[in-house]
Amino acid sequence: MCGTYRNLGTKLTIDQIITQLENQKLSIDNAIRALKQVSDLPLAVADSAVQENNSRRRGRPPGKKQRATKRTRPTYSDDFRRQVVAAVRGGTSIGAAAKQYGVTWFTVREWVNSGSYEPEGGRRTKKASA
């Protein structure tokens, strides 16, 4: 194949390859010129690129960013917890109680299952059938 180049089943001569490469070079040169014209990018764009590169160096996946502040959990009073548990013991579903009181269903389930926040009368137990 001296003097030809096979590209997807078609043979190209050296002259055709040179012409294609010159066209590609022209396109690249145009793109470089356009980038130079807008080279004064906003600082925020440049900062986010630097931040993303720094996160890669520290071993974080590319999409993950460092949290600005430590995550905290809301604190609920024992009376509030008892009120939520009483609603569930009174027949409200865990999901409905969570929506009604503005907490997660997981939190409500934990309070109910812990047994620490039972209403005043204590936990109702089912009668054993004889």
N, C-alpha and C. Protein backbone atom coordinates (compact mmCIF):
# COMPACT_ATOMS: atom_id res chain seq x y z
N MET A 1 0.83 -1.17 0.00
CA MET A 1 0.00 0.00 0.00
C MET A 1 0.87 1.24 0.00
N CYS A 2 1.79 1.27 -0.80
CA CYS A 2 2.69 2.41 -0.89
C CYS A 2 2.00 3.55 -1.62
N GLY A 3 1.87 4.71 -0.95
CA GLY A 3 1.27 5.87 -1.59
C GLY A 3 -0.23 5.96 -1.46
N THR A 4 -0.91 4.97 -0.78
CA THR A 4 -2.36 5.04 -0.59
C THR A 4 -2.68 4.75 0.87
N TYR A 5 -3.85 5.16 1.28
CA TYR A 5 -4.30 4.94 2.64
C TYR A 5 -5.72 4.43 2.58
N ARG A 6 -5.97 3.28 3.20
CA ARG A 6 -7.30 2.68 3.14
C ARG A 6 -8.11 3.21 4.33
N ASN A 7 -9.24 3.87 4.06
CA ASN A 7 -10.09 4.44 5.09
C ASN A 7 -11.52 3.98 4.85
N LEU A 8 -12.01 3.07 5.68
CA LEU A 8 -13.36 2.54 5.57
C LEU A 8 -13.68 2.02 4.16
N GLY A 9 -12.78 1.28 3.62
CA GLY A 9 -13.02 0.64 2.34
C GLY A 9 -12.68 1.50 1.14
N THR A 10 -12.31 2.76 1.32
CA THR A 10 -11.94 3.60 0.18
C THR A 10 -10.45 3.87 0.24
N LYS A 11 -9.84 3.94 -0.93
CA LYS A 11 -8.42 4.22 -0.99
C LYS A 11 -8.22 5.71 -1.20
N LEU A 12 -7.36 6.30 -0.41
CA LEU A 12 -7.03 7.72 -0.55
C LEU A 12 -5.58 7.83 -0.97
N THR A 13 -5.33 8.75 -1.85
CA THR A 13 -3.95 8.99 -2.24
C THR A 13 -3.31 9.93 -1.23
N ILE A 14 -2.02 10.04 -1.26
CA ILE A 14 -1.29 10.93 -0.36
C ILE A 14 -1.79 12.37 -0.54
N ASP A 15 -2.02 12.78 -1.77
CA ASP A 15 -2.50 14.15 -2.01
C ASP A 15 -3.86 14.39 -1.35
N GLN A 16 -4.75 13.40 -1.41
CA GLN A 16 -6.06 13.54 -0.78
C GLN A 16 -5.94 13.62 0.75
N ILE A 17 -5.04 12.83 1.30
CA ILE A 17 -4.82 12.86 2.75
C ILE A 17 -4.28 14.23 3.16
N ILE A 18 -3.34 14.75 2.40
CA ILE A 18 -2.77 16.07 2.71
C ILE A 18 -3.86 17.13 2.65
N THR A 19 -4.73 17.06 1.66
CA THR A 19 -5.82 18.03 1.53
C THR A 19 -6.76 17.95 2.74
N GLN A 20 -7.10 16.74 3.17
CA GLN A 20 -7.97 16.58 4.33
C GLN A 20 -7.31 17.14 5.60
N LEU A 21 -6.03 16.86 5.77
CA LEU A 21 -5.31 17.36 6.94
C LEU A 21 -5.21 18.88 6.93
N GLU A 22 -5.01 19.47 5.77
CA GLU A 22 -4.96 20.93 5.68
C GLU A 22 -6.32 21.54 6.03
N ASN A 23 -7.41 20.91 5.58
CA ASN A 23 -8.75 21.38 5.94
C ASN A 23 -8.98 21.30 7.45
N GLN A 24 -8.54 20.19 8.05
CA GLN A 24 -8.67 20.03 9.50
C GLN A 24 -7.84 21.09 10.23
N LYS A 25 -6.63 21.35 9.72
CA LYS A 25 -5.76 22.35 10.33
C LYS A 25 -6.42 23.72 10.26
N LEU A 26 -7.06 24.02 9.13
CA LEU A 26 -7.75 25.29 8.97
C LEU A 26 -8.88 25.41 9.99
N SER A 27 -9.64 24.35 10.18
CA SER A 27 -10.72 24.35 11.17
C SER A 27 -10.17 24.55 12.57
N ILE A 28 -9.07 23.89 12.88
CA ILE A 28 -8.46 24.03 14.20
C ILE A 28 -7.95 25.45 14.40
N ASP A 29 -7.31 26.02 13.39
CA ASP A 29 -6.82 27.40 13.48
C ASP A 29 -7.98 28.37 13.72
N ASN A 30 -9.11 28.16 13.05
CA ASN A 30 -10.28 29.00 13.25
C ASN A 30 -10.80 28.88 14.68
N ALA A 31 -10.82 27.66 15.19
CA ALA A 31 -11.29 27.45 16.57
C ALA A 31 -10.35 28.13 17.56
N ILE A 32 -9.05 28.06 17.33
CA ILE A 32 -8.09 28.71 18.22
C ILE A 32 -8.29 30.22 18.20
N ARG A 33 -8.50 30.79 17.02
CA ARG A 33 -8.73 32.23 16.90
C ARG A 33 -9.98 32.65 17.67
N ALA A 34 -11.04 31.85 17.54
CA ALA A 34 -12.29 32.16 18.25
C ALA A 34 -12.09 32.08 19.76
N LEU A 35 -11.34 31.10 20.22
CA LEU A 35 -11.08 30.97 21.66
C LEU A 35 -10.24 32.13 22.18
N LYS A 36 -9.29 32.57 21.38
CA LYS A 36 -8.46 33.71 21.80
C LYS A 36 -9.30 34.98 21.92
N GLN A 37 -10.33 35.11 21.10
CA GLN A 37 -11.19 36.30 21.16
C GLN A 37 -12.03 36.32 22.43
N VAL A 38 -12.39 35.15 22.92
CA VAL A 38 -13.18 35.09 24.15
C VAL A 38 -12.35 34.59 25.33
N SER A 39 -11.07 34.83 25.28
CA SER A 39 -10.18 34.30 26.32
C SER A 39 -10.39 34.94 27.68
N ASP A 40 -11.10 36.08 27.73
CA ASP A 40 -11.36 36.71 29.02
C ASP A 40 -12.65 36.14 29.62
N LEU A 41 -12.62 34.81 29.88
CA LEU A 41 -13.77 34.12 30.46
C LEU A 41 -14.05 34.64 31.86
N PRO A 42 -15.31 34.55 32.32
CA PRO A 42 -15.61 34.96 33.69
C PRO A 42 -14.81 34.13 34.69
N LEU A 43 -14.45 34.75 35.78
CA LEU A 43 -13.61 34.11 36.78
C LEU A 43 -14.29 32.89 37.40
N ALA A 44 -15.61 32.91 37.54
CA ALA A 44 -16.33 31.81 38.16
C ALA A 44 -16.15 30.51 37.38
N VAL A 45 -16.14 30.61 36.06
CA VAL A 45 -15.95 29.42 35.23
C VAL A 45 -14.56 28.85 35.46
N ALA A 46 -13.57 29.72 35.49
CA ALA A 46 -12.20 29.27 35.70
C ALA A 46 -12.05 28.69 37.10
N ASP A 47 -12.69 29.28 38.12
CA ASP A 47 -12.59 28.78 39.48
C ASP A 47 -13.20 27.40 39.62
N SER A 48 -14.34 27.15 38.96
CA SER A 48 -14.97 25.84 39.07
C SER A 48 -14.10 24.77 38.43
N ALA A 49 -13.41 25.12 37.35
CA ALA A 49 -12.51 24.15 36.71
C ALA A 49 -11.34 23.83 37.64
N VAL A 50 -10.81 24.84 38.31
CA VAL A 50 -9.70 24.62 39.25
C VAL A 50 -10.18 23.78 40.41
N GLN A 51 -11.39 24.08 40.93
CA GLN A 51 -11.95 23.34 42.04
C GLN A 51 -12.16 21.87 41.66
N GLU A 52 -12.64 21.62 40.45
CA GLU A 52 -12.85 20.25 40.01
C GLU A 52 -11.53 19.50 39.90
N ASN A 53 -10.50 20.17 39.39
CA ASN A 53 -9.18 19.54 39.30
C ASN A 53 -8.63 19.23 40.68
N ASN A 54 -8.82 20.14 41.64
CA ASN A 54 -8.34 19.90 42.99
C ASN A 54 -9.06 18.74 43.63
N SER A 55 -10.36 18.58 43.38
CA SER A 55 -11.09 17.46 43.97
C SER A 55 -10.59 16.14 43.41
N ARG A 56 -10.16 16.13 42.17
CA ARG A 56 -9.61 14.89 41.60
C ARG A 56 -8.31 14.51 42.29
N ARG A 57 -7.50 15.52 42.62
CA ARG A 57 -6.22 15.23 43.25
C ARG A 57 -6.40 14.64 44.64
N ARG A 58 -7.47 15.02 45.32
CA ARG A 58 -7.67 14.55 46.69
C ARG A 58 -8.37 13.20 46.74
N GLY A 59 -8.64 12.60 45.62
CA GLY A 59 -9.21 11.28 45.61
C GLY A 59 -10.73 11.24 45.53
N ARG A 60 -11.39 12.39 45.42
CA ARG A 60 -12.84 12.42 45.28
C ARG A 60 -13.21 12.14 43.84
N PRO A 61 -14.37 11.51 43.61
CA PRO A 61 -14.82 11.34 42.23
C PRO A 61 -15.05 12.71 41.59
N PRO A 62 -14.94 12.82 40.28
CA PRO A 62 -15.02 14.12 39.60
C PRO A 62 -16.28 14.90 39.88
N GLY A 63 -17.44 14.27 40.05
CA GLY A 63 -18.67 15.00 40.26
C GLY A 63 -18.89 15.48 41.68
N LYS A 64 -18.17 14.90 42.64
CA LYS A 64 -18.39 15.22 44.05
C LYS A 64 -17.63 16.48 44.43
N LYS A 65 -18.31 17.36 45.16
CA LYS A 65 -17.66 18.55 45.66
C LYS A 65 -17.64 18.50 47.18
N GLN A 66 -16.71 19.21 47.78
CA GLN A 66 -16.60 19.22 49.22
C GLN A 66 -17.76 20.01 49.81
N ARG A 67 -18.33 19.51 50.91
CA ARG A 67 -19.42 20.21 51.58
C ARG A 67 -18.92 21.47 52.25
N ALA A 68 -19.68 22.53 52.13
CA ALA A 68 -19.29 23.80 52.73
C ALA A 68 -19.38 23.73 54.26
N THR A 69 -20.45 23.14 54.78
CA THR A 69 -20.61 23.03 56.23
C THR A 69 -20.97 21.61 56.58
N LYS A 70 -20.71 21.27 57.83
CA LYS A 70 -21.03 19.92 58.29
C LYS A 70 -22.54 19.77 58.41
N ARG A 71 -23.06 18.65 57.99
CA ARG A 71 -24.48 18.39 58.03
C ARG A 71 -24.90 18.16 59.49
N THR A 72 -26.00 18.78 59.90
CA THR A 72 -26.51 18.60 61.26
C THR A 72 -27.92 18.05 61.20
N ARG A 73 -28.28 17.33 62.23
CA ARG A 73 -29.63 16.79 62.32
C ARG A 73 -30.47 17.71 63.19
N PRO A 74 -31.76 17.83 62.87
CA PRO A 74 -32.61 18.64 63.75
C PRO A 74 -32.81 17.91 65.08
N THR A 75 -32.97 18.67 66.15
CA THR A 75 -33.23 18.06 67.46
C THR A 75 -34.70 18.21 67.78
N TYR A 76 -35.29 17.16 68.30
CA TYR A 76 -36.70 17.15 68.65
C TYR A 76 -36.82 16.88 70.14
N SER A 77 -37.76 17.55 70.78
CA SER A 77 -37.97 17.33 72.21
C SER A 77 -38.62 15.97 72.43
N ASP A 78 -38.47 15.46 73.64
CA ASP A 78 -39.08 14.17 73.97
C ASP A 78 -40.60 14.26 73.91
N ASP A 79 -41.17 15.41 74.29
CA ASP A 79 -42.62 15.58 74.21
C ASP A 79 -43.11 15.49 72.77
N PHE A 80 -42.37 16.12 71.86
CA PHE A 80 -42.73 16.05 70.45
C PHE A 80 -42.65 14.61 69.95
N ARG A 81 -41.61 13.90 70.33
CA ARG A 81 -41.46 12.51 69.91
C ARG A 81 -42.61 11.65 70.44
N ARG A 82 -42.98 11.88 71.72
CA ARG A 82 -44.10 11.14 72.30
C ARG A 82 -45.40 11.43 71.55
N GLN A 83 -45.58 12.68 71.16
CA GLN A 83 -46.78 13.07 70.42
C GLN A 83 -46.86 12.33 69.08
N VAL A 84 -45.73 12.22 68.38
CA VAL A 84 -45.70 11.52 67.09
C VAL A 84 -45.96 10.03 67.30
N VAL A 85 -45.32 9.44 68.32
CA VAL A 85 -45.51 8.02 68.59
C VAL A 85 -46.97 7.75 68.99
N ALA A 86 -47.56 8.67 69.77
CA ALA A 86 -48.97 8.51 70.18
C ALA A 86 -49.87 8.52 68.95
N ALA A 87 -49.56 9.35 67.97
CA ALA A 87 -50.37 9.38 66.74
C ALA A 87 -50.29 8.04 66.02
N VAL A 88 -49.10 7.45 65.96
CA VAL A 88 -48.95 6.15 65.29
C VAL A 88 -49.67 5.08 66.08
N ARG A 89 -49.54 5.12 67.42
CA ARG A 89 -50.22 4.12 68.26
C ARG A 89 -51.74 4.29 68.18
N GLY A 90 -52.18 5.51 67.87
CA GLY A 90 -53.61 5.78 67.74
C GLY A 90 -54.20 5.36 66.40
N GLY A 91 -53.38 4.84 65.51
CA GLY A 91 -53.89 4.32 64.25
C GLY A 91 -53.39 5.05 63.01
N THR A 92 -52.68 6.16 63.19
CA THR A 92 -52.14 6.86 62.02
C THR A 92 -50.95 6.06 61.47
N SER A 93 -50.85 5.96 60.18
CA SER A 93 -49.71 5.23 59.60
C SER A 93 -48.43 6.01 59.84
N ILE A 94 -47.30 5.33 59.75
CA ILE A 94 -46.01 5.98 59.96
C ILE A 94 -45.79 7.06 58.92
N GLY A 95 -46.13 6.79 57.68
CA GLY A 95 -45.96 7.77 56.62
C GLY A 95 -46.83 9.00 56.81
N ALA A 96 -48.09 8.78 57.21
CA ALA A 96 -49.00 9.91 57.43
C ALA A 96 -48.55 10.74 58.62
N ALA A 97 -48.09 10.08 59.68
CA ALA A 97 -47.59 10.81 60.85
C ALA A 97 -46.35 11.62 60.49
N ALA A 98 -45.48 11.05 59.66
CA ALA A 98 -44.27 11.75 59.24
C ALA A 98 -44.64 13.02 58.48
N LYS A 99 -45.59 12.92 57.56
CA LYS A 99 -46.03 14.10 56.80
C LYS A 99 -46.69 15.13 57.70
N GLN A 100 -47.54 14.64 58.60
CA GLN A 100 -48.29 15.54 59.48
C GLN A 100 -47.36 16.35 60.38
N TYR A 101 -46.31 15.71 60.88
CA TYR A 101 -45.42 16.38 61.84
C TYR A 101 -44.13 16.91 61.20
N GLY A 102 -43.95 16.68 59.91
CA GLY A 102 -42.80 17.25 59.20
C GLY A 102 -41.47 16.59 59.50
N VAL A 103 -41.50 15.27 59.72
CA VAL A 103 -40.26 14.51 59.92
C VAL A 103 -40.24 13.37 58.91
N THR A 104 -39.13 12.67 58.82
CA THR A 104 -39.05 11.58 57.85
C THR A 104 -39.71 10.33 58.41
N TRP A 105 -40.17 9.48 57.52
CA TRP A 105 -40.81 8.24 57.96
C TRP A 105 -39.81 7.36 58.70
N PHE A 106 -38.54 7.43 58.30
CA PHE A 106 -37.51 6.62 58.95
C PHE A 106 -37.37 7.04 60.41
N THR A 107 -37.38 8.36 60.65
CA THR A 107 -37.26 8.87 62.01
C THR A 107 -38.44 8.41 62.86
N VAL A 108 -39.65 8.52 62.31
CA VAL A 108 -40.84 8.08 63.03
C VAL A 108 -40.74 6.59 63.35
N ARG A 109 -40.33 5.81 62.39
CA ARG A 109 -40.20 4.36 62.62
C ARG A 109 -39.21 4.06 63.73
N GLU A 110 -38.08 4.80 63.74
CA GLU A 110 -37.08 4.60 64.79
C GLU A 110 -37.65 4.93 66.17
N TRP A 111 -38.41 6.02 66.26
CA TRP A 111 -39.01 6.40 67.54
C TRP A 111 -40.01 5.36 68.01
N VAL A 112 -40.82 4.86 67.08
CA VAL A 112 -41.84 3.87 67.43
C VAL A 112 -41.17 2.57 67.86
N ASN A 113 -40.18 2.12 67.12
CA ASN A 113 -39.52 0.85 67.41
C ASN A 113 -38.65 0.90 68.65
N SER A 114 -38.17 2.08 69.03
CA SER A 114 -37.26 2.16 70.17
C SER A 114 -37.97 1.89 71.49
N GLY A 115 -39.27 2.25 71.58
CA GLY A 115 -40.01 2.05 72.82
C GLY A 115 -39.70 3.11 73.87
N SER A 116 -38.83 4.04 73.59
CA SER A 116 -38.44 5.07 74.55
C SER A 116 -39.41 6.23 74.61
N TYR A 117 -40.27 6.37 73.61
CA TYR A 117 -41.13 7.54 73.51
C TYR A 117 -42.61 7.15 73.51
N GLU A 118 -42.96 6.20 74.36
CA GLU A 118 -44.34 5.75 74.43
C GLU A 118 -45.19 6.81 75.11
N PRO A 119 -46.47 6.91 74.71
CA PRO A 119 -47.37 7.88 75.34
C PRO A 119 -47.51 7.59 76.84
N GLU A 120 -48.16 8.51 77.56
CA GLU A 120 -48.29 8.44 79.02
C GLU A 120 -48.71 7.07 79.53
N GLY A 121 -49.69 6.45 78.92
CA GLY A 121 -50.22 5.18 79.42
C GLY A 121 -49.33 3.99 79.12
N GLY A 122 -48.24 4.19 78.43
CA GLY A 122 -47.38 3.08 78.05
C GLY A 122 -47.83 2.46 76.76
N ARG A 123 -47.11 1.47 76.32
CA ARG A 123 -47.42 0.83 75.05
C ARG A 123 -48.59 -0.12 75.20
N ARG A 124 -49.52 -0.04 74.25
CA ARG A 124 -50.64 -0.96 74.27
C ARG A 124 -50.19 -2.30 73.72
N THR A 125 -50.55 -3.34 74.40
CA THR A 125 -50.19 -4.67 73.91
C THR A 125 -51.45 -5.39 73.47
N LYS A 126 -51.32 -6.25 72.52
CA LYS A 126 -52.46 -7.02 72.04
C LYS A 126 -52.76 -8.12 73.05
N LYS A 127 -54.04 -8.41 73.23
CA LYS A 127 -54.43 -9.49 74.15
C LYS A 127 -54.05 -10.82 73.54
N ALA A 128 -53.52 -11.69 74.35
CA ALA A 128 -53.15 -13.01 73.88
C ALA A 128 -54.42 -13.82 73.69
N SER A 129 -54.53 -14.46 72.55
CA SER A 129 -55.73 -15.26 72.28
C SER A 129 -55.53 -16.65 72.87
N ALA A 130 -56.58 -17.13 73.54
CA ALA A 130 -56.48 -18.41 74.20
C ALA A 130 -56.92 -19.54 73.33
